[in-house]
Amino acid sequence: MAKKNENRNTVELKCSVCGSMIRPTEKNKVNTPDRMEINKFCKKCNKSQVFKEKK
């Protein structure tokens, strides 16, 4: 059986404009040790916004 990789952990992303949360995503903590910033579609703002990793 395959073993779940210990380098990946789940993070929640938060909209930088309205503060709404989206579903948890995974990131590799070895390749990206700092906080993630991704452009995604926000349902509350109804347009693409920058989502930052919630601590």
N, C-alpha and C. Protein backbone atom coordinates (compact mmCIF):
# COMPACT_ATOMS: atom_id res chain seq x y z
N MET A 1 0.83 -1.19 0.00
CA MET A 1 0.00 0.00 0.00
C MET A 1 0.87 1.25 0.00
N ALA A 2 0.38 2.26 -0.64
CA ALA A 2 1.11 3.52 -0.71
C ALA A 2 0.98 4.26 0.62
N LYS A 3 2.06 4.88 1.00
CA LYS A 3 2.09 5.64 2.24
C LYS A 3 1.83 7.11 1.94
N LYS A 4 1.04 7.77 2.75
CA LYS A 4 0.78 9.20 2.54
C LYS A 4 2.06 9.98 2.81
N ASN A 5 2.37 10.89 1.91
CA ASN A 5 3.60 11.66 1.99
C ASN A 5 3.56 12.60 3.20
N GLU A 6 4.62 12.60 4.00
CA GLU A 6 4.67 13.45 5.18
C GLU A 6 5.03 14.89 4.85
N ASN A 7 5.50 15.16 3.61
CA ASN A 7 5.89 16.52 3.24
C ASN A 7 4.70 17.39 2.88
N ARG A 8 3.55 16.80 2.65
CA ARG A 8 2.37 17.57 2.26
C ARG A 8 1.48 17.80 3.47
N ASN A 9 0.97 19.02 3.60
CA ASN A 9 0.02 19.30 4.66
C ASN A 9 -1.12 20.14 4.10
N THR A 10 -2.26 20.11 4.76
CA THR A 10 -3.43 20.83 4.28
C THR A 10 -3.42 22.25 4.82
N VAL A 11 -3.79 23.19 3.97
CA VAL A 11 -3.89 24.60 4.35
C VAL A 11 -5.22 25.13 3.86
N GLU A 12 -5.73 26.15 4.56
CA GLU A 12 -6.95 26.81 4.13
C GLU A 12 -6.57 28.15 3.52
N LEU A 13 -7.27 28.52 2.46
CA LEU A 13 -7.00 29.78 1.78
C LEU A 13 -8.08 30.79 2.11
N LYS A 14 -7.67 32.06 2.28
CA LYS A 14 -8.58 33.12 2.69
C LYS A 14 -8.48 34.26 1.68
N CYS A 15 -9.62 34.78 1.26
CA CYS A 15 -9.67 35.89 0.30
C CYS A 15 -9.07 37.13 0.95
N SER A 16 -8.20 37.82 0.22
CA SER A 16 -7.54 39.00 0.78
C SER A 16 -8.46 40.22 0.81
N VAL A 17 -9.56 40.19 0.05
CA VAL A 17 -10.47 41.34 -0.01
C VAL A 17 -11.61 41.19 1.00
N CYS A 18 -12.39 40.11 0.89
CA CYS A 18 -13.58 39.97 1.74
C CYS A 18 -13.35 39.05 2.94
N GLY A 19 -12.32 38.22 2.91
CA GLY A 19 -12.03 37.35 4.04
C GLY A 19 -12.75 36.02 4.04
N SER A 20 -13.43 35.68 2.96
CA SER A 20 -14.13 34.40 2.92
C SER A 20 -13.13 33.27 2.73
N MET A 21 -13.47 32.11 3.30
CA MET A 21 -12.60 30.94 3.25
C MET A 21 -13.06 30.01 2.13
N ILE A 22 -12.10 29.28 1.53
CA ILE A 22 -12.45 28.24 0.58
C ILE A 22 -11.94 26.91 1.11
N ARG A 23 -12.29 25.85 0.43
CA ARG A 23 -11.97 24.51 0.91
C ARG A 23 -10.47 24.31 1.08
N PRO A 24 -10.07 23.40 1.96
CA PRO A 24 -8.64 23.17 2.20
C PRO A 24 -7.93 22.61 0.97
N THR A 25 -6.71 23.04 0.75
CA THR A 25 -5.87 22.54 -0.32
C THR A 25 -4.59 22.02 0.29
N GLU A 26 -3.80 21.30 -0.49
CA GLU A 26 -2.55 20.76 0.00
C GLU A 26 -1.39 21.52 -0.61
N LYS A 27 -0.30 21.59 0.17
CA LYS A 27 0.93 22.16 -0.36
C LYS A 27 2.10 21.34 0.15
N ASN A 28 3.18 21.36 -0.61
CA ASN A 28 4.39 20.65 -0.23
C ASN A 28 5.23 21.61 0.61
N LYS A 29 5.43 21.31 1.90
CA LYS A 29 6.13 22.25 2.77
C LYS A 29 7.64 22.27 2.53
N VAL A 30 8.18 21.31 1.78
CA VAL A 30 9.60 21.34 1.45
C VAL A 30 9.85 22.30 0.29
N ASN A 31 9.01 22.24 -0.75
CA ASN A 31 9.18 23.10 -1.92
C ASN A 31 8.71 24.53 -1.68
N THR A 32 7.65 24.71 -0.89
CA THR A 32 7.11 26.05 -0.62
C THR A 32 7.02 26.26 0.89
N PRO A 33 8.12 26.62 1.55
CA PRO A 33 8.09 26.78 3.01
C PRO A 33 7.36 28.05 3.46
N ASP A 34 7.29 29.09 2.60
CA ASP A 34 6.60 30.31 2.99
C ASP A 34 5.12 30.21 2.64
N ARG A 35 4.36 31.24 2.98
CA ARG A 35 2.92 31.21 2.74
C ARG A 35 2.58 31.28 1.26
N MET A 36 1.51 30.59 0.90
CA MET A 36 1.06 30.54 -0.48
C MET A 36 0.17 31.73 -0.81
N GLU A 37 0.26 32.21 -2.05
CA GLU A 37 -0.66 33.22 -2.58
C GLU A 37 -1.07 32.77 -3.97
N ILE A 38 -2.37 32.58 -4.16
CA ILE A 38 -2.90 32.07 -5.43
C ILE A 38 -4.07 32.94 -5.86
N ASN A 39 -4.17 33.18 -7.18
CA ASN A 39 -5.36 33.84 -7.72
C ASN A 39 -6.43 32.79 -7.94
N LYS A 40 -7.56 32.95 -7.29
CA LYS A 40 -8.70 32.05 -7.43
C LYS A 40 -9.98 32.87 -7.51
N PHE A 41 -11.06 32.20 -7.93
CA PHE A 41 -12.35 32.86 -8.03
C PHE A 41 -13.04 32.87 -6.67
N CYS A 42 -13.45 34.04 -6.22
CA CYS A 42 -14.17 34.18 -4.95
C CYS A 42 -15.66 34.29 -5.24
N LYS A 43 -16.44 33.41 -4.63
CA LYS A 43 -17.89 33.40 -4.86
C LYS A 43 -18.56 34.62 -4.25
N LYS A 44 -18.02 35.10 -3.15
CA LYS A 44 -18.63 36.24 -2.47
C LYS A 44 -18.37 37.55 -3.23
N CYS A 45 -17.14 37.73 -3.72
CA CYS A 45 -16.79 38.94 -4.50
C CYS A 45 -17.22 38.82 -5.96
N ASN A 46 -17.43 37.60 -6.42
CA ASN A 46 -17.85 37.30 -7.79
C ASN A 46 -16.80 37.69 -8.83
N LYS A 47 -15.51 37.57 -8.47
CA LYS A 47 -14.41 37.77 -9.42
C LYS A 47 -13.14 37.14 -8.86
N SER A 48 -12.10 37.10 -9.67
CA SER A 48 -10.85 36.50 -9.24
C SER A 48 -10.12 37.43 -8.28
N GLN A 49 -9.69 36.87 -7.17
CA GLN A 49 -8.98 37.63 -6.13
C GLN A 49 -7.75 36.85 -5.70
N VAL A 50 -6.87 37.50 -4.96
CA VAL A 50 -5.71 36.85 -4.40
C VAL A 50 -6.13 36.16 -3.10
N PHE A 51 -5.84 34.87 -3.03
CA PHE A 51 -6.12 34.10 -1.82
C PHE A 51 -4.80 33.81 -1.13
N LYS A 52 -4.75 34.09 0.18
CA LYS A 52 -3.53 33.85 0.96
C LYS A 52 -3.76 32.73 1.94
N GLU A 53 -2.70 32.07 2.29
CA GLU A 53 -2.77 30.95 3.23
C GLU A 53 -3.12 31.45 4.63
N LYS A 54 -4.10 30.83 5.24
CA LYS A 54 -4.50 31.18 6.59
C LYS A 54 -3.57 30.49 7.57
N LYS A 55 -3.14 31.19 8.57
CA LYS A 55 -2.23 30.60 9.57
C LYS A 55 -3.02 30.10 10.75
